[in-house]
């Protein structure tokens, strides 16, 4: 996942895409690469699991790559560091159970808003 994101973000930068756009491209590349890995290994697709920090890990890695490239680090080294950051964030999220809260129903909120009016 980290390698896919690093390749996508560095390619976007080389084509003149801005920093924010390169992060978005890196996240999309990482998610697509992770989905490809899951399909090839016949596993449930990780991005579709509720509350996972999948895209957050990809954004962190892509952001690190862009930051390192902007301060003058060679792209291959920035790519390796980016892939490592992505992997570390993802592994830490799984190991420590970090996740986003699950989606809640809006019924209670709508009922409260209706009584306010």
N, C-alpha and C. Protein backbone atom coordinates (compact mmCIF):
# COMPACT_ATOMS: atom_id res chain seq x y z
N UNK A 1 0.83 -1.19 0.00
CA UNK A 1 0.00 0.00 0.00
C UNK A 1 0.87 1.25 0.00
N UNK A 2 1.91 1.25 0.80
CA UNK A 2 2.78 2.42 0.89
C UNK A 2 3.53 2.68 -0.40
N UNK A 3 3.97 1.61 -1.06
CA UNK A 3 4.71 1.77 -2.32
C UNK A 3 3.79 2.35 -3.39
N UNK A 4 2.56 1.85 -3.47
CA UNK A 4 1.61 2.37 -4.46
C UNK A 4 1.36 3.86 -4.23
N UNK A 5 1.18 4.25 -2.98
CA UNK A 5 0.95 5.66 -2.67
C UNK A 5 2.15 6.53 -2.98
N UNK A 6 3.35 6.03 -2.68
CA UNK A 6 4.56 6.79 -2.95
C UNK A 6 4.77 6.97 -4.44
N UNK A 7 4.54 5.92 -5.21
CA UNK A 7 4.70 6.01 -6.66
C UNK A 7 3.70 7.01 -7.24
N UNK A 8 2.45 6.91 -6.79
CA UNK A 8 1.40 7.80 -7.32
C UNK A 8 1.69 9.26 -6.97
N UNK A 9 2.05 9.52 -5.72
CA UNK A 9 2.31 10.91 -5.31
C UNK A 9 3.54 11.48 -6.01
N UNK A 10 4.59 10.68 -6.15
CA UNK A 10 5.80 11.19 -6.82
C UNK A 10 5.54 11.42 -8.30
N UNK A 11 4.74 10.57 -8.92
CA UNK A 11 4.40 10.77 -10.33
C UNK A 11 3.57 12.04 -10.49
N UNK A 12 2.64 12.28 -9.58
CA UNK A 12 1.83 13.49 -9.65
C UNK A 12 2.70 14.73 -9.51
N UNK A 13 3.66 14.70 -8.59
CA UNK A 13 4.57 15.84 -8.43
C UNK A 13 5.40 16.06 -9.69
N UNK A 14 5.86 14.96 -10.30
CA UNK A 14 6.70 15.10 -11.50
C UNK A 14 5.90 15.66 -12.68
N UNK A 15 4.59 15.49 -12.66
CA UNK A 15 3.74 16.01 -13.73
C UNK A 15 3.23 17.42 -13.43
N UNK A 16 3.69 18.02 -12.33
CA UNK A 16 3.34 19.40 -12.03
C UNK A 16 2.08 19.59 -11.22
N UNK A 17 1.54 18.54 -10.66
CA UNK A 17 0.37 18.66 -9.80
C UNK A 17 0.81 19.30 -8.48
N UNK A 18 -0.03 20.13 -7.90
CA UNK A 18 0.30 20.78 -6.64
C UNK A 18 0.35 19.79 -5.48
N UNK A 19 0.75 20.29 -4.33
CA UNK A 19 0.94 19.43 -3.16
C UNK A 19 -0.34 18.73 -2.73
N UNK A 20 -1.43 19.47 -2.62
CA UNK A 20 -2.70 18.87 -2.18
C UNK A 20 -3.18 17.84 -3.20
N UNK A 21 -3.08 18.18 -4.47
CA UNK A 21 -3.47 17.24 -5.52
C UNK A 21 -2.62 15.98 -5.50
N UNK A 22 -1.33 16.14 -5.22
CA UNK A 22 -0.44 14.98 -5.16
C UNK A 22 -0.77 14.09 -3.97
N UNK A 23 -1.18 14.70 -2.86
CA UNK A 23 -1.62 13.89 -1.71
C UNK A 23 -2.86 13.09 -2.08
N UNK A 24 -3.81 13.74 -2.74
CA UNK A 24 -5.04 13.04 -3.16
C UNK A 24 -4.70 11.90 -4.11
N UNK A 25 -3.84 12.16 -5.08
CA UNK A 25 -3.44 11.11 -6.02
C UNK A 25 -2.72 9.98 -5.28
N UNK A 26 -1.88 10.33 -4.32
CA UNK A 26 -1.19 9.31 -3.53
C UNK A 26 -2.15 8.45 -2.72
N UNK A 27 -3.16 9.08 -2.13
CA UNK A 27 -4.16 8.32 -1.36
C UNK A 27 -4.93 7.39 -2.28
N UNK A 28 -5.34 7.90 -3.44
CA UNK A 28 -6.08 7.07 -4.38
C UNK A 28 -5.22 5.91 -4.87
N UNK A 29 -3.95 6.18 -5.16
CA UNK A 29 -3.04 5.12 -5.58
C UNK A 29 -2.83 4.07 -4.51
N UNK A 30 -2.67 4.51 -3.26
CA UNK A 30 -2.48 3.57 -2.16
C UNK A 30 -3.72 2.72 -1.93
N UNK A 31 -4.88 3.35 -1.98
CA UNK A 31 -6.12 2.60 -1.79
C UNK A 31 -6.31 1.60 -2.93
N UNK A 32 -6.07 2.05 -4.16
CA UNK A 32 -6.19 1.14 -5.30
C UNK A 32 -5.20 -0.01 -5.21
N UNK A 33 -3.97 0.27 -4.82
CA UNK A 33 -2.98 -0.79 -4.66
C UNK A 33 -3.35 -1.76 -3.56
N UNK A 34 -3.87 -1.24 -2.46
CA UNK A 34 -4.31 -2.10 -1.37
C UNK A 34 -5.48 -2.97 -1.78
N UNK A 35 -6.40 -2.40 -2.55
CA UNK A 35 -7.53 -3.20 -3.04
C UNK A 35 -7.05 -4.29 -3.98
N UNK A 36 -6.11 -3.96 -4.86
CA UNK A 36 -5.55 -4.95 -5.77
C UNK A 36 -4.90 -6.09 -4.99
N UNK A 37 -4.13 -5.74 -3.96
CA UNK A 37 -3.50 -6.76 -3.11
C UNK A 37 -4.55 -7.67 -2.48
N UNK A 38 -5.62 -7.07 -1.93
CA UNK A 38 -6.65 -7.86 -1.28
C UNK A 38 -7.38 -8.78 -2.26
N UNK A 39 -7.63 -8.29 -3.47
CA UNK A 39 -8.30 -9.12 -4.47
C UNK A 39 -7.40 -10.28 -4.89
N UNK A 40 -6.12 -10.00 -5.13
CA UNK A 40 -5.19 -11.06 -5.54
C UNK A 40 -5.06 -12.11 -4.45
N UNK A 41 -5.04 -11.69 -3.19
CA UNK A 41 -4.90 -12.63 -2.07
C UNK A 41 -6.23 -13.21 -1.61
N UNK A 42 -7.33 -12.84 -2.28
CA UNK A 42 -8.67 -13.34 -1.96
C UNK A 42 -9.03 -13.05 -0.50
N UNK A 43 -8.77 -11.81 -0.08
CA UNK A 43 -9.11 -11.37 1.27
C UNK A 43 -10.20 -10.32 1.19
N UNK A 44 -10.90 -10.06 2.30
CA UNK A 44 -11.86 -8.95 2.29
C UNK A 44 -11.13 -7.63 2.04
N UNK A 45 -11.73 -6.76 1.27
CA UNK A 45 -11.08 -5.50 0.92
C UNK A 45 -11.02 -4.60 2.15
N UNK A 46 -9.81 -4.23 2.54
CA UNK A 46 -9.57 -3.52 3.80
C UNK A 46 -10.24 -2.16 3.87
N UNK A 47 -10.26 -1.44 2.76
CA UNK A 47 -10.82 -0.08 2.79
C UNK A 47 -12.32 -0.10 3.10
N UNK A 48 -12.97 -1.22 2.84
CA UNK A 48 -14.41 -1.30 3.07
C UNK A 48 -14.77 -1.67 4.50
N UNK A 49 -13.78 -1.92 5.34
CA UNK A 49 -14.03 -2.23 6.74
C UNK A 49 -14.33 -0.94 7.49
N UNK A 50 -15.36 -0.95 8.31
CA UNK A 50 -15.81 0.25 9.01
C UNK A 50 -14.76 0.70 10.03
N UNK A 51 -14.44 1.99 10.01
CA UNK A 51 -13.60 2.58 11.03
C UNK A 51 -12.11 2.42 10.85
N UNK A 52 -11.65 1.77 9.78
CA UNK A 52 -10.21 1.55 9.63
C UNK A 52 -9.50 2.85 9.28
N UNK A 53 -8.25 2.95 9.67
CA UNK A 53 -7.44 4.13 9.36
C UNK A 53 -6.64 3.88 8.08
N UNK A 54 -7.29 3.40 7.08
CA UNK A 54 -6.64 3.02 5.83
C UNK A 54 -6.23 4.25 5.03
N UNK A 55 -7.18 5.11 4.74
CA UNK A 55 -6.90 6.31 3.95
C UNK A 55 -6.05 7.30 4.75
N UNK A 56 -6.20 7.31 6.06
CA UNK A 56 -5.39 8.20 6.90
C UNK A 56 -3.92 7.81 6.81
N UNK A 57 -3.64 6.52 6.84
CA UNK A 57 -2.26 6.04 6.70
C UNK A 57 -1.70 6.43 5.34
N UNK A 58 -2.52 6.28 4.30
CA UNK A 58 -2.08 6.64 2.94
C UNK A 58 -1.82 8.15 2.84
N UNK A 59 -2.67 8.96 3.45
CA UNK A 59 -2.48 10.41 3.41
C UNK A 59 -1.23 10.82 4.20
N UNK A 60 -0.98 10.16 5.32
CA UNK A 60 0.23 10.47 6.09
C UNK A 60 1.48 10.16 5.28
N UNK A 61 1.50 9.01 4.64
CA UNK A 61 2.65 8.65 3.82
C UNK A 61 2.85 9.57 2.64
N UNK A 62 1.77 9.91 1.96
CA UNK A 62 1.86 10.82 0.81
C UNK A 62 2.29 12.21 1.25
N UNK A 63 1.78 12.66 2.38
CA UNK A 63 2.18 13.96 2.91
C UNK A 63 3.65 14.01 3.27
N UNK A 64 4.16 12.94 3.86
CA UNK A 64 5.58 12.88 4.19
C UNK A 64 6.42 12.91 2.92
N UNK A 65 6.01 12.19 1.89
CA UNK A 65 6.75 12.20 0.63
C UNK A 65 6.83 13.61 0.06
N UNK A 66 5.72 14.30 0.03
CA UNK A 66 5.68 15.64 -0.54
C UNK A 66 6.52 16.60 0.30
N UNK A 67 6.44 16.49 1.61
CA UNK A 67 7.25 17.33 2.48
C UNK A 67 8.74 17.09 2.24
N UNK A 68 9.13 15.83 2.17
CA UNK A 68 10.54 15.52 1.96
C UNK A 68 11.04 15.99 0.60
N UNK A 69 10.22 15.83 -0.44
CA UNK A 69 10.62 16.29 -1.77
C UNK A 69 10.78 17.80 -1.78
N UNK A 70 9.87 18.51 -1.11
CA UNK A 70 9.95 19.97 -1.08
C UNK A 70 11.17 20.50 -0.31
N UNK A 71 11.68 19.72 0.64
CA UNK A 71 12.88 20.17 1.36
C UNK A 71 14.16 19.69 0.69
N UNK A 72 14.03 19.00 -0.44
CA UNK A 72 15.21 18.64 -1.22
C UNK A 72 15.69 17.21 -1.10
N UNK A 73 14.95 16.35 -0.44
CA UNK A 73 15.33 14.94 -0.33
C UNK A 73 15.16 14.28 -1.70
N UNK A 74 16.10 13.44 -2.12
CA UNK A 74 15.92 12.73 -3.39
C UNK A 74 14.65 11.87 -3.37
N UNK A 75 13.98 11.81 -4.51
CA UNK A 75 12.69 11.12 -4.59
C UNK A 75 12.77 9.65 -4.16
N UNK A 76 13.79 8.88 -4.55
CA UNK A 76 13.82 7.48 -4.09
C UNK A 76 13.86 7.34 -2.57
N UNK A 77 14.64 8.20 -1.91
CA UNK A 77 14.70 8.14 -0.45
C UNK A 77 13.38 8.60 0.15
N UNK A 78 12.79 9.66 -0.40
CA UNK A 78 11.49 10.14 0.08
C UNK A 78 10.43 9.06 -0.10
N UNK A 79 10.50 8.32 -1.20
CA UNK A 79 9.54 7.24 -1.45
C UNK A 79 9.66 6.11 -0.44
N UNK A 80 10.89 5.76 -0.10
CA UNK A 80 11.10 4.69 0.89
C UNK A 80 10.59 5.13 2.26
N UNK A 81 10.91 6.36 2.64
CA UNK A 81 10.44 6.88 3.93
C UNK A 81 8.92 6.97 3.93
N UNK A 82 8.34 7.40 2.82
CA UNK A 82 6.89 7.51 2.70
C UNK A 82 6.22 6.15 2.86
N UNK A 83 6.75 5.14 2.19
CA UNK A 83 6.19 3.79 2.30
C UNK A 83 6.31 3.28 3.73
N UNK A 84 7.42 3.59 4.38
CA UNK A 84 7.61 3.16 5.77
C UNK A 84 6.63 3.85 6.71
N UNK A 85 6.40 5.14 6.51
CA UNK A 85 5.44 5.87 7.34
C UNK A 85 4.04 5.31 7.15
N UNK A 86 3.66 5.06 5.89
CA UNK A 86 2.35 4.48 5.62
C UNK A 86 2.20 3.15 6.33
N UNK A 87 3.20 2.30 6.20
CA UNK A 87 3.15 0.98 6.83
C UNK A 87 3.10 1.09 8.35
N UNK A 88 3.90 1.99 8.93
CA UNK A 88 3.91 2.13 10.38
C UNK A 88 2.57 2.62 10.93
N UNK A 89 1.98 3.60 10.25
CA UNK A 89 0.67 4.10 10.71
C UNK A 89 -0.37 3.00 10.61
N UNK A 90 -0.36 2.26 9.51
CA UNK A 90 -1.35 1.19 9.31
C UNK A 90 -1.14 0.06 10.32
N UNK A 91 0.10 -0.37 10.52
CA UNK A 91 0.38 -1.44 11.47
C UNK A 91 0.04 -0.99 12.89
N UNK A 92 0.37 0.24 13.24
CA UNK A 92 0.03 0.74 14.57
C UNK A 92 -1.48 0.80 14.78
N UNK A 93 -2.21 1.20 13.74
CA UNK A 93 -3.67 1.26 13.85
C UNK A 93 -4.26 -0.12 14.10
N UNK A 94 -3.72 -1.12 13.41
CA UNK A 94 -4.22 -2.49 13.60
C UNK A 94 -3.78 -3.03 14.95
N UNK A 95 -2.52 -2.82 15.31
CA UNK A 95 -1.98 -3.37 16.55
C UNK A 95 -2.62 -2.76 17.80
N UNK A 96 -2.87 -1.46 17.77
CA UNK A 96 -3.41 -0.78 18.94
C UNK A 96 -4.91 -0.56 18.87
N UNK A 97 -5.54 -1.03 17.80
CA UNK A 97 -7.00 -0.91 17.69
C UNK A 97 -7.48 0.49 17.42
N UNK A 98 -6.64 1.32 16.80
CA UNK A 98 -7.06 2.68 16.47
C UNK A 98 -8.10 2.61 15.35
N UNK A 99 -9.18 3.36 15.50
CA UNK A 99 -10.19 3.39 14.45
C UNK A 99 -11.05 4.63 14.62
N UNK A 100 -11.79 4.93 13.58
CA UNK A 100 -12.77 5.99 13.66
C UNK A 100 -14.04 5.44 14.29
N UNK A 101 -14.84 6.27 14.93
CA UNK A 101 -16.10 5.77 15.47
C UNK A 101 -17.02 5.32 14.35
N UNK A 102 -17.84 4.33 14.65
CA UNK A 102 -18.78 3.85 13.64
C UNK A 102 -19.89 4.87 13.42
N UNK A 103 -20.48 4.80 12.26
CA UNK A 103 -21.55 5.73 11.91
C UNK A 103 -22.77 5.46 12.78
N UNK A 104 -23.38 6.53 13.25
CA UNK A 104 -24.58 6.40 14.08
C UNK A 104 -25.81 6.77 13.26
N UNK A 105 -26.94 6.28 13.69
CA UNK A 105 -28.19 6.61 13.03
C UNK A 105 -28.54 8.07 13.31
N UNK A 106 -29.20 8.71 12.37
CA UNK A 106 -29.57 10.12 12.51
C UNK A 106 -30.97 10.30 13.08
N UNK A 107 -31.63 9.25 13.44
CA UNK A 107 -33.02 9.35 13.90
C UNK A 107 -33.14 10.23 15.13
N UNK A 108 -32.28 10.04 16.10
CA UNK A 108 -32.36 10.85 17.32
C UNK A 108 -32.14 12.32 17.04
N UNK A 109 -31.22 12.62 16.18
CA UNK A 109 -30.91 14.01 15.85
C UNK A 109 -32.07 14.65 15.11
N UNK A 110 -32.64 13.95 14.15
CA UNK A 110 -33.77 14.51 13.40
C UNK A 110 -34.98 14.72 14.30
N UNK A 111 -35.18 13.80 15.22
CA UNK A 111 -36.30 13.96 16.14
C UNK A 111 -36.10 15.19 17.02
N UNK A 112 -34.87 15.42 17.49
CA UNK A 112 -34.60 16.61 18.31
C UNK A 112 -34.79 17.88 17.51
N UNK A 113 -34.34 17.89 16.26
CA UNK A 113 -34.49 19.07 15.41
C UNK A 113 -35.96 19.36 15.14
N UNK A 114 -36.77 18.32 14.99
CA UNK A 114 -38.19 18.51 14.73
C UNK A 114 -38.89 19.13 15.94
N UNK A 115 -38.47 18.77 17.15
CA UNK A 115 -39.11 19.33 18.34
C UNK A 115 -38.66 20.76 18.59
N UNK A 116 -37.50 21.14 18.11
CA UNK A 116 -37.00 22.50 18.28
C UNK A 116 -37.81 23.47 17.44
N UNK A 117 -38.21 23.04 16.28
CA UNK A 117 -38.96 23.92 15.36
C UNK A 117 -40.32 24.11 15.87
